[in-house]
Structure formats: C-alpha cells, structure tokens
C-alpha atoms as a PDB file:
ATOM      1  CA  MET A   1      13.482 -41.260  78.396  1.00  0.00           C
ATOM      2  CA  ALA A   2      10.276 -40.638  76.540  1.00  0.00           C
ATOM      3  CA  ASN A   3      10.837 -36.908  77.055  1.00  0.00           C
ATOM      4  CA  LYS A   4      14.335 -37.092  75.604  1.00  0.00           C
ATOM      5  CA  LYS A   5      13.071 -39.048  72.605  1.00  0.00           C
ATOM      6  CA  ALA A   6      10.243 -36.541  72.126  1.00  0.00           C
ATOM      7  CA  GLU A   7      12.727 -33.662  72.376  1.00  0.00           C
ATOM      8  CA  LYS A   8      15.027 -35.328  69.860  1.00  0.00           C
ATOM      9  CA  ASP A   9      12.124 -35.957  67.498  1.00  0.00           C
ATOM     10  CA  ALA A  10      10.978 -32.363  67.958  1.00  0.00           C
ATOM     11  CA  GLU A  11      14.486 -31.021  67.208  1.00  0.00           C
ATOM     12  CA  LYS A  12      14.680 -33.268  64.156  1.00  0.00           C
ATOM     13  CA  ALA A  13      11.272 -32.038  62.963  1.00  0.00           C
ATOM     14  CA  LEU A  14      12.332 -28.443  63.644  1.00  0.00           C
ATOM     15  CA  THR A  15      15.516 -28.894  61.628  1.00  0.00           C
ATOM     16  CA  THR A  16      13.519 -30.431  58.780  1.00  0.00           C
ATOM     17  CA  ALA A  17      11.029 -27.553  58.959  1.00  0.00           C
ATOM     18  CA  ARG A  18      13.852 -24.965  58.923  1.00  0.00           C
ATOM     19  CA  ALA A  19      15.355 -26.654  55.873  1.00  0.00           C
ATOM     20  CA  ALA A  20      11.958 -26.630  54.159  1.00  0.00           C
ATOM     21  CA  VAL A  21      11.449 -22.923  54.986  1.00  0.00           C
ATOM     22  CA  ASP A  22      14.938 -22.077  53.689  1.00  0.00           C
ATOM     23  CA  GLU A  23      14.229 -24.012  50.487  1.00  0.00           C
ATOM     24  CA  ALA A  24      10.887 -22.230  50.073  1.00  0.00           C
ATOM     25  CA  GLN A  25      12.541 -18.833  50.581  1.00  0.00           C
ATOM     26  CA  ARG A  26      15.200 -19.703  47.993  1.00  0.00           C
ATOM     27  CA  LEU A  27      12.526 -20.750  45.499  1.00  0.00           C
ATOM     28  CA  VAL A  28      10.521 -17.579  46.149  1.00  0.00           C
ATOM     29  CA  LYS A  29      13.613 -15.452  45.461  1.00  0.00           C
ATOM     30  CA  LYS A  30      14.261 -17.428  42.286  1.00  0.00           C
ATOM     31  CA  LEU A  31      10.641 -17.038  41.221  1.00  0.00           C
ATOM     32  CA  ASP A  32      10.740 -13.353  42.104  1.00  0.00           C
ATOM     33  CA  LYS A  33      13.875 -12.867  39.963  1.00  0.00           C
ATOM     34  CA  LYS A  34      12.222 -14.725  37.096  1.00  0.00           C
ATOM     35  CA  THR A  35       9.049 -12.649  37.422  1.00  0.00           C
ATOM     36  CA  ARG A  36      11.040  -9.403  37.536  1.00  0.00           C
ATOM     37  CA  LYS A  37      13.001 -10.465  34.437  1.00  0.00           C
ATOM     38  CA  GLU A  38       9.769 -11.290  32.593  1.00  0.00           C
ATOM     39  CA  ALA A  39       8.302  -7.930  33.633  1.00  0.00           C
ATOM     40  CA  ASP A  40      11.433  -6.125  32.413  1.00  0.00           C
ATOM     41  CA  ASP A  41      11.288  -8.031  29.119  1.00  0.00           C
ATOM     42  CA  LEU A  42       7.616  -7.132  28.695  1.00  0.00           C
ATOM     43  CA  ALA A  43       8.340  -3.477  29.480  1.00  0.00           C
ATOM     44  CA  ALA A  44      11.113  -3.430  26.863  1.00  0.00           C
ATOM     45  CA  ALA A  45       8.833  -5.061  24.288  1.00  0.00           C
ATOM     46  CA  LEU A  46       6.102  -2.535  25.074  1.00  0.00           C
ATOM     47  CA  GLU A  47       8.538   0.356  24.676  1.00  0.00           C
ATOM     48  CA  GLN A  48       9.702  -1.016  21.311  1.00  0.00           C
ATOM     49  CA  ALA A  49       6.109  -1.432  20.138  1.00  0.00           C
ATOM     50  CA  ALA A  50       5.353   2.159  21.176  1.00  0.00           C
ATOM     51  CA  LYS A  51       8.331   3.424  19.165  1.00  0.00           C
ATOM     52  CA  GLU A  52       7.220   1.427  16.116  1.00  0.00           C
ATOM     53  CA  ALA A  53       3.648   2.700  16.448  1.00  0.00           C
ATOM     54  CA  LYS A  54       4.914   6.284  16.651  1.00  0.00           C
ATOM     55  CA  LYS A  55       7.008   5.792  13.512  1.00  0.00           C
ATOM     56  CA  ALA A  56       4.047   4.225  11.690  1.00  0.00           C
ATOM     57  CA  ALA A  57       1.840   7.166  12.672  1.00  0.00           C
ATOM     58  CA  GLN A  58       4.449   9.615  11.379  1.00  0.00           C
ATOM     59  CA  ARG A  59       4.704   7.716   8.082  1.00  0.00           C
ATOM     60  CA  ALA A  60       0.918   7.644   7.727  1.00  0.00           C
ATOM     61  CA  ARG A  61       0.671  11.379   8.451  1.00  0.00           C
ATOM     62  CA  LYS A  62       3.419  12.133   5.919  1.00  0.00           C
ATOM     63  CA  THR A  63       1.709   9.964   3.279  1.00  0.00           C
ATOM     64  CA  ALA A  64      -1.623  11.694   3.931  1.00  0.00           C
ATOM     65  CA  GLU A  65       0.026  15.102   3.632  1.00  0.00           C
ATOM     66  CA  GLN A  66       1.638  14.101   0.338  1.00  0.00           C
ATOM     67  CA  ALA A  67      -1.674  12.781  -0.987  1.00  0.00           C
ATOM     68  CA  ALA A  68      -3.439  15.996   0.027  1.00  0.00           C
ATOM     69  CA  LYS A  69      -0.710  18.056  -1.617  1.00  0.00           C
ATOM     70  CA  ALA A  70      -0.939  16.005  -4.826  1.00  0.00           C
ATOM     71  CA  ALA A  71      -4.739  16.352  -4.879  1.00  0.00           C
ATOM     72  CA  LYS A  72      -4.465  20.108  -4.353  1.00  0.00           C
ATOM     73  CA  GLU A  73      -1.906  20.407  -7.153  1.00  0.00           C
ATOM     74  CA  LYS A  74      -4.118  18.307  -9.448  1.00  0.00           C
ATOM     75  CA  GLU A  75      -7.108  20.500  -8.640  1.00  0.00           C
ATOM     76  CA  GLN A  76      -5.095  23.666  -9.268  1.00  0.00           C
ATOM     77  CA  ALA A  77      -3.864  22.285 -12.589  1.00  0.00           C
ATOM     78  CA  ALA A  78      -7.437  21.460 -13.635  1.00  0.00           C
ATOM     79  CA  VAL A  79      -8.579  24.962 -12.704  1.00  0.00           C
ATOM     80  CA  ALA A  80      -5.643  26.444 -14.612  1.00  0.00           C
ATOM     81  CA  ARG A  81      -6.522  24.379 -17.701  1.00  0.00           C
ATOM     82  CA  ALA A  82     -10.156  25.430 -17.469  1.00  0.00           C
ATOM     83  CA  VAL A  83      -9.207  29.080 -17.134  1.00  0.00           C
ATOM     84  CA  ALA A  84      -6.747  28.790 -20.017  1.00  0.00           C
ATOM     85  CA  ALA A  85      -9.340  27.105 -22.207  1.00  0.00           C
ATOM     86  CA  ALA A  86     -11.948  29.734 -21.384  1.00  0.00           C
ATOM     87  CA  SER A  87      -9.651  32.698 -21.855  1.00  0.00           C
ATOM     88  CA  SER A  88      -7.596  31.526 -24.858  1.00  0.00           C
ATOM     89  CA  PRO A  89      -8.454  33.265 -28.090  1.00  0.00           C
ATOM     90  CA  GLY A  90     -10.246  31.046 -30.585  1.00  0.00           C
ATOM     91  CA  THR A  91      -8.385  29.956 -33.709  1.00  0.00           C
ATOM     92  CA  GLY A  92     -11.545  29.869 -35.766  1.00  0.00           C
ATOM     93  CA  ILE A  93     -11.394  26.080 -36.085  1.00  0.00           C
ATOM     94  CA  PRO A  94     -14.295  24.419 -34.253  1.00  0.00           C
ATOM     95  CA  THR A  95     -13.527  21.603 -31.863  1.00  0.00           C
ATOM     96  CA  PHE A  96     -14.629  18.028 -32.435  1.00  0.00           C
ATOM     97  CA  ARG A  97     -17.225  18.362 -29.667  1.00  0.00           C
ATOM     98  CA  ASP A  98     -18.598  21.554 -31.204  1.00  0.00           C
ATOM     99  CA  LEU A  99     -18.925  19.824 -34.576  1.00  0.00           C
ATOM    100  CA  ARG A 100     -20.712  16.823 -33.024  1.00  0.00           C
ATOM    101  CA  ASP A 101     -23.125  19.097 -31.186  1.00  0.00           C
ATOM    102  CA  ARG A 102     -23.915  21.016 -34.361  1.00  0.00           C
ATOM    103  CA  ALA A 103     -24.375  17.791 -36.368  1.00  0.00           C
ATOM    104  CA  LYS A 104     -26.726  16.465 -33.714  1.00  0.00           C
ATOM    105  CA  ALA A 105     -28.685  19.725 -33.710  1.00  0.00           C
ATOM    106  CA  GLN A 106     -29.022  19.586 -37.515  1.00  0.00           C
ATOM    107  CA  GLY A 107     -30.159  15.953 -37.396  1.00  0.00           C
ATOM    108  CA  ILE A 108     -27.286  14.483 -39.427  1.00  0.00           C
ATOM    109  CA  GLN A 109     -27.432  10.709 -39.264  1.00  0.00           C
ATOM    110  CA  GLY A 110     -24.338   8.752 -38.177  1.00  0.00           C
ATOM    111  CA  TYR A 111     -22.628  11.795 -36.642  1.00  0.00           C
ATOM    112  CA  SER A 112     -21.525   9.784 -33.585  1.00  0.00           C
ATOM    113  CA  ARG A 113     -19.297   7.544 -35.750  1.00  0.00           C
ATOM    114  CA  MET A 114     -17.758  10.365 -37.796  1.00  0.00           C
ATOM    115  CA  ASN A 115     -14.319  11.853 -37.270  1.00  0.00           C
ATOM    116  CA  LYS A 116     -13.604  15.589 -37.359  1.00  0.00           C
ATOM    117  CA  ALA A 117     -12.989  15.748 -41.119  1.00  0.00           C
ATOM    118  CA  GLN A 118     -16.183  13.837 -41.867  1.00  0.00           C
ATOM    119  CA  LEU A 119     -18.179  16.098 -39.541  1.00  0.00           C
ATOM    120  CA  LEU A 120     -16.783  19.199 -41.267  1.00  0.00           C
ATOM    121  CA  HIS A 121     -17.764  17.774 -44.673  1.00  0.00           C
ATOM    122  CA  ALA A 122     -21.238  16.745 -43.471  1.00  0.00           C
ATOM    123  CA  LEU A 123     -21.814  20.232 -42.092  1.00  0.00           C
ATOM    124  CA  GLY A 124     -20.653  21.726 -45.383  1.00  0.00           C
ATOM    125  CA  GLU A 125     -17.592  23.403 -43.927  1.00  0.00           C
ATOM    126  CA  GLY A 126     -14.906  21.130 -45.340  1.00  0.00           C
END
C-alpha cells in the first residue's frame, strides 16, 4: 500500500510538474513574442531615424552649397566693382577720400569734420 501511495504521489507530482513546464513554455513564447515585437519596433525607429538623418544631411549640404555660391557671387561682384572703379574714366571731380587725403597732407586743421564742399573750399578749389 505504501508503494501505491508513493506511485500516486509521484504521478500527482509529475502532473504538477508537467503543468508547470507547460506554463513556463507558454510564458517563454509570450515573452519571445514581446521581445520580437520590441525588436521590430526598435528596428523601425532606427530606420526612421536614419531617413531623417539622411534628409538633414542633404539639407545641410544644400545650405552649404547655397552659402558658397552666395559668397562666390559676392566676391565676383566686389572684384567687378573694383575693376570698374579702376578702369572707369575720371570725371575730373575728386572724391571725398581724395580731398581728405590732400587736406591732411597740406596740414589743414579740422579736415576730418569737413564735408566735401568744405574740403573743396579749404583746398581752394571751390
């Protein structure tokens, strides 16, 4: 009788163990599904971030190209103005800077506060 009771207890323990193993397997599958879903979500987020980074890099490159183009155009315009100023025929009327330089060279006092007409008069040309 002790053997039968031991066998019954063993079968009961075995049944309980099988139920526990089945429950553990079910939980592992559930956890595995959850982990796979999280991994898929992370992969999608990473892909989206890569697309956004690529777009940002393209925008930055385009902005840099536009800035370089604007700087080149500004430089070309400055060179063109300098060439035009150097090659344009003189009208015979001295510039304000020329008058100030001449007044300074002649030692005229207060030349730095004079306007063009006053400089011409002080130099005896007006």
